Amino acid sequence: MPTPDPAAVPANSPTSEIPYCGHCGEPAASPHPACVARLSLEPPRYCPQCRRRLVVQVLPTGYRARCSAHGDLA
């Protein structure tokens, strides 16, 4: 069975792997403790599926993040 194109896999899919850190955009092969701490306070800046920069809108109740390839992130 062919491997799906990462750009075709929805970012909020529960079966999708997270190959990139949402804060620094580097490969998430090993944990990034500083990034995990910052992501608890800030919205993600990079798509965890394709490493593209996200369009982020900060709201009083949270944030909205959108990837140009994957759409809205949950």
N, C-alpha and C. Protein backbone atom coordinates (compact mmCIF):
# COMPACT_ATOMS: atom_id res chain seq x y z
N MET A 1 0.84 -1.16 0.00
CA MET A 1 0.00 0.00 0.00
C MET A 1 0.89 1.23 0.00
N PRO A 2 0.66 2.21 -0.89
CA PRO A 2 1.53 3.39 -0.95
C PRO A 2 1.36 4.28 0.27
N THR A 3 2.43 4.94 0.64
CA THR A 3 2.40 5.88 1.75
C THR A 3 1.72 7.16 1.30
N PRO A 4 0.75 7.67 2.09
CA PRO A 4 0.06 8.90 1.68
C PRO A 4 0.99 10.10 1.70
N ASP A 5 0.72 11.02 0.80
CA ASP A 5 1.47 12.28 0.75
C ASP A 5 1.19 13.05 2.03
N PRO A 6 2.21 13.54 2.78
CA PRO A 6 1.97 14.27 4.02
C PRO A 6 1.08 15.48 3.83
N ALA A 7 1.12 16.11 2.67
CA ALA A 7 0.28 17.28 2.43
C ALA A 7 -1.18 16.88 2.29
N ALA A 8 -1.46 15.60 1.98
CA ALA A 8 -2.83 15.15 1.80
C ALA A 8 -3.46 14.63 3.10
N VAL A 9 -2.65 14.43 4.14
CA VAL A 9 -3.16 13.94 5.41
C VAL A 9 -3.61 15.12 6.24
N PRO A 10 -4.87 15.13 6.71
CA PRO A 10 -5.32 16.26 7.53
C PRO A 10 -4.49 16.38 8.80
N ALA A 11 -4.16 17.60 9.17
CA ALA A 11 -3.30 17.83 10.33
C ALA A 11 -3.96 17.40 11.62
N ASN A 12 -5.29 17.43 11.68
CA ASN A 12 -5.99 17.05 12.90
C ASN A 12 -6.43 15.60 12.87
N SER A 13 -5.93 14.80 11.93
CA SER A 13 -6.26 13.39 11.85
C SER A 13 -5.64 12.65 13.03
N PRO A 14 -6.43 11.83 13.73
CA PRO A 14 -5.87 11.13 14.89
C PRO A 14 -4.83 10.09 14.52
N THR A 15 -4.80 9.63 13.26
CA THR A 15 -3.82 8.63 12.86
C THR A 15 -2.56 9.25 12.30
N SER A 16 -2.54 10.56 12.12
CA SER A 16 -1.36 11.19 11.55
C SER A 16 -0.25 11.30 12.58
N GLU A 17 0.97 11.11 12.15
CA GLU A 17 2.13 11.29 13.03
C GLU A 17 2.48 12.77 13.04
N ILE A 18 3.18 13.20 14.08
CA ILE A 18 3.60 14.58 14.17
C ILE A 18 5.10 14.62 13.97
N PRO A 19 5.55 14.84 12.72
CA PRO A 19 6.99 14.79 12.45
C PRO A 19 7.74 16.06 12.82
N TYR A 20 7.04 17.20 13.03
CA TYR A 20 7.72 18.47 13.30
C TYR A 20 7.17 19.13 14.55
N CYS A 21 8.03 19.86 15.23
CA CYS A 21 7.65 20.61 16.42
C CYS A 21 6.79 21.81 16.00
N GLY A 22 5.69 22.04 16.71
CA GLY A 22 4.80 23.15 16.39
C GLY A 22 5.36 24.50 16.77
N HIS A 23 6.38 24.54 17.60
CA HIS A 23 6.95 25.83 18.02
C HIS A 23 8.16 26.23 17.18
N CYS A 24 9.14 25.34 17.06
CA CYS A 24 10.38 25.71 16.35
C CYS A 24 10.44 25.18 14.92
N GLY A 25 9.58 24.21 14.58
CA GLY A 25 9.56 23.68 13.23
C GLY A 25 10.61 22.62 12.95
N GLU A 26 11.42 22.28 13.92
CA GLU A 26 12.46 21.27 13.74
C GLU A 26 11.84 19.87 13.85
N PRO A 27 12.50 18.85 13.32
CA PRO A 27 11.96 17.48 13.44
C PRO A 27 11.72 17.11 14.90
N ALA A 28 10.60 16.45 15.14
CA ALA A 28 10.19 16.11 16.51
C ALA A 28 10.59 14.68 16.86
N ALA A 29 11.72 14.22 16.36
CA ALA A 29 12.19 12.87 16.65
C ALA A 29 12.51 12.72 18.14
N SER A 30 12.98 13.78 18.76
CA SER A 30 13.24 13.78 20.19
C SER A 30 12.45 14.91 20.83
N PRO A 31 12.11 14.79 22.11
CA PRO A 31 11.31 15.83 22.75
C PRO A 31 12.06 17.16 22.84
N HIS A 32 11.32 18.23 22.73
CA HIS A 32 11.86 19.58 22.90
C HIS A 32 11.21 20.16 24.16
N PRO A 33 11.81 19.97 25.34
CA PRO A 33 11.18 20.42 26.59
C PRO A 33 10.87 21.92 26.59
N ALA A 34 11.77 22.74 26.06
CA ALA A 34 11.53 24.18 26.05
C ALA A 34 10.35 24.52 25.14
N CYS A 35 10.25 23.84 24.00
CA CYS A 35 9.15 24.09 23.07
C CYS A 35 7.82 23.63 23.65
N VAL A 36 7.82 22.49 24.34
CA VAL A 36 6.59 21.99 24.97
C VAL A 36 6.10 23.01 26.00
N ALA A 37 7.02 23.57 26.77
CA ALA A 37 6.64 24.57 27.77
C ALA A 37 6.08 25.82 27.11
N ARG A 38 6.69 26.27 26.03
CA ARG A 38 6.21 27.47 25.34
C ARG A 38 4.88 27.24 24.65
N LEU A 39 4.68 26.02 24.10
CA LEU A 39 3.41 25.72 23.44
C LEU A 39 2.24 25.64 24.42
N SER A 40 2.54 25.46 25.71
CA SER A 40 1.46 25.47 26.69
C SER A 40 0.96 26.90 26.92
N LEU A 41 1.77 27.90 26.55
CA LEU A 41 1.39 29.30 26.74
C LEU A 41 1.10 30.04 25.43
N GLU A 42 1.67 29.57 24.32
CA GLU A 42 1.56 30.25 23.03
C GLU A 42 0.94 29.33 21.99
N PRO A 43 0.34 29.89 20.95
CA PRO A 43 -0.16 29.04 19.86
C PRO A 43 1.01 28.49 19.04
N PRO A 44 0.76 27.40 18.32
CA PRO A 44 1.83 26.86 17.46
C PRO A 44 2.15 27.82 16.33
N ARG A 45 3.37 27.78 15.84
CA ARG A 45 3.81 28.66 14.75
C ARG A 45 4.09 27.89 13.47
N TYR A 46 4.31 26.58 13.57
CA TYR A 46 4.62 25.74 12.41
C TYR A 46 3.64 24.58 12.35
N CYS A 47 3.28 24.17 11.14
CA CYS A 47 2.41 23.02 10.94
C CYS A 47 3.16 21.76 11.37
N PRO A 48 2.57 20.94 12.24
CA PRO A 48 3.27 19.73 12.67
C PRO A 48 3.36 18.67 11.58
N GLN A 49 2.63 18.82 10.48
CA GLN A 49 2.66 17.84 9.40
C GLN A 49 3.67 18.18 8.31
N CYS A 50 3.76 19.47 7.95
CA CYS A 50 4.58 19.82 6.78
C CYS A 50 5.62 20.92 7.04
N ARG A 51 5.65 21.47 8.24
CA ARG A 51 6.66 22.45 8.64
C ARG A 51 6.43 23.83 8.02
N ARG A 52 5.28 24.07 7.41
CA ARG A 52 4.98 25.40 6.87
C ARG A 52 4.61 26.32 8.02
N ARG A 53 4.88 27.62 7.85
CA ARG A 53 4.46 28.60 8.85
C ARG A 53 2.94 28.67 8.85
N LEU A 54 2.36 28.78 10.02
CA LEU A 54 0.91 28.87 10.17
C LEU A 54 0.46 30.32 10.17
N VAL A 55 -0.76 30.53 9.70
CA VAL A 55 -1.43 31.83 9.85
C VAL A 55 -2.15 31.72 11.18
N VAL A 56 -1.74 32.52 12.17
CA VAL A 56 -2.28 32.41 13.52
C VAL A 56 -3.01 33.69 13.88
N GLN A 57 -4.23 33.53 14.39
CA GLN A 57 -5.00 34.67 14.89
C GLN A 57 -5.23 34.42 16.38
N VAL A 58 -4.72 35.32 17.21
CA VAL A 58 -4.88 35.20 18.65
C VAL A 58 -6.19 35.89 19.03
N LEU A 59 -7.03 35.16 19.76
CA LEU A 59 -8.34 35.64 20.19
C LEU A 59 -8.38 35.71 21.71
N PRO A 60 -9.31 36.47 22.28
CA PRO A 60 -9.42 36.50 23.75
C PRO A 60 -9.71 35.13 24.36
N THR A 61 -10.35 34.25 23.60
CA THR A 61 -10.71 32.93 24.12
C THR A 61 -9.74 31.83 23.69
N GLY A 62 -8.69 32.16 22.96
CA GLY A 62 -7.74 31.16 22.49
C GLY A 62 -7.06 31.62 21.22
N TYR A 63 -7.02 30.76 20.21
CA TYR A 63 -6.38 31.12 18.95
C TYR A 63 -6.98 30.28 17.82
N ARG A 64 -6.72 30.73 16.60
CA ARG A 64 -7.03 29.97 15.38
C ARG A 64 -5.74 29.85 14.61
N ALA A 65 -5.43 28.66 14.14
CA ALA A 65 -4.22 28.43 13.35
C ALA A 65 -4.61 27.72 12.07
N ARG A 66 -4.06 28.19 10.94
CA ARG A 66 -4.40 27.62 9.64
C ARG A 66 -3.13 27.40 8.85
N CYS A 67 -3.01 26.20 8.28
CA CYS A 67 -1.91 25.83 7.40
C CYS A 67 -2.41 26.00 5.96
N SER A 68 -1.58 26.50 5.08
CA SER A 68 -1.98 26.68 3.69
C SER A 68 -2.25 25.35 2.99
N ALA A 69 -1.64 24.27 3.47
CA ALA A 69 -1.84 22.95 2.86
C ALA A 69 -2.88 22.10 3.57
N HIS A 70 -2.98 22.21 4.91
CA HIS A 70 -3.84 21.32 5.69
C HIS A 70 -5.10 21.98 6.24
N GLY A 71 -5.21 23.29 6.11
CA GLY A 71 -6.39 23.98 6.63
C GLY A 71 -6.28 24.25 8.11
N ASP A 72 -7.44 24.38 8.76
CA ASP A 72 -7.48 24.71 10.20
C ASP A 72 -6.93 23.57 11.04
N LEU A 73 -6.17 23.94 12.06
CA LEU A 73 -5.66 22.97 13.02
C LEU A 73 -6.55 22.98 14.24
N ALA A 74 -6.74 21.84 14.83
CA ALA A 74 -7.62 21.73 16.00
C ALA A 74 -6.91 22.22 17.24
